[in-house]
Amino acid sequence: MKKHSSKKKALLIALAVIVVLILGAVGAVYGVTHGFYRSSNYTSDEDAMKDFTNVGEDTTAEDEVNPEDATGEVLSDEEQQELDAKLAEFADSEPVTNDGNVYNVLLVGVARRDKSWAGNSDSMILMSLNYEKKQISMISLMRDTYVNIPGIGMRKLNAAHANGAGPLLLETVTQNYNTNIYDSEHLQFSLEDACLEMSSFGKGDIREPFVELTLSDDEVRVANNYITEMCNLRKLDPNSYYFIKGGTKTCSGIQAVAYARIRYVGNADYQRTERQRTVLTKMMEKIKDMSLPELYSFAEDVLPLVTHNIPEDEMWSLLAKSPSLLQYKLVKDRIPYDNMYKVIYVKKQDMLVPDWEQTIAKLKETLY
């Protein structure tokens, strides 16, 4: 009887030790994850605009095009009113899609030199995770798309952020693209800083090459102008970063960002969005090859560069799925889709008008 009692006591002690180890592991994981979350910049929708003093400032004057240089169709006042009414009617009639197997988040790159205003969102990429299809979709939403901004009216998509920061941009995307971005989630991040961190990762030198890109001679010329600007802002010698000539290069972080910023070579902003997707894809490929300690160190460096409104419990959910996400198929595209839009000249600017019925059907087929 005593022997049986001794075995029972030993078993209870072993179980207690196991429970303590499990709780310790859970506590350690929580500590790491909570620390990561706190190092990022969470901003609630209510606080999104409080630091900006020039809300609603007209920021599109630089995009104005002289009538003789415009490529878009000039509409009469009546035609313009008919178009606006048609777009508003479609946006109101098309239901917003919700699917528990799909998680959408909007990556936003903002063009501004200071924080006195919210800035235009010149880079917008809808990242969609489809857990059932095991697919990540990377869809660029072009800045010049003609949309209805709630409370503002018909403008370019990038003006939504200038008028109401992340919350208004997300409301605009949800209303016009009929796609739910769960809990109005967005990420704002500096592609430049993220590329620099990845370039110097483990070496401490931002001149280190990390991503292979192919540039034409014209792209080299424009990229070098951006390199000069970025290096001057950082008080760096640009001669250490300039491209010499076109071809396939293994680029540093500053070179990769300069490549992604090129707009006036090739097919204008259509090709710039493609360059941005290329750089992000290359970065994802680098992350796939990182070990767990490297991922930990990289996250420590990059998360402080990110501003978002994702609740911590949802960050936990994404973290739990992250190992499998790295194995998902990647689909890349942009909106407007080829052969599904027209260009109009309105408000002294060329703007892109998608065929929304076809566009939304294709977008939902891709995401869902």
Foldseek 3Di string as FASTA:
>chain_A
DVVVVVVVVVVVVVVVVVVVVVVVVVVVVCVLLVVLVVLFAADALVRQCVQAQDAPDDDCPVQFADPVPDPAAADDPVRVVVVQVVLLVVLVPDAQDDDPQKAKEKEFEFDDDDRNFQGFRQWIWIWMQRNVQLETETATEHQQAFFQQVPPGTGGLRCQCRNRNQVSSLVRCCSNLSYDNPPSKYKYFDLLQLQQCQQCQPPNDQFRFQFKDFDAQVLLVQLLVQLVVVCVVVVHDSVSARDPHTGIDRHGSSSLVSSLPDAPPDPGVQVSNVSVVVSVVSVLVVLLPDDPVSVSVSSSRGSSRMYINDDSVVVVVCVVCVVSSSVGHYHYYYPPHPPFWGWHQDPSHIGIYGVSVVSSVVVVVVND
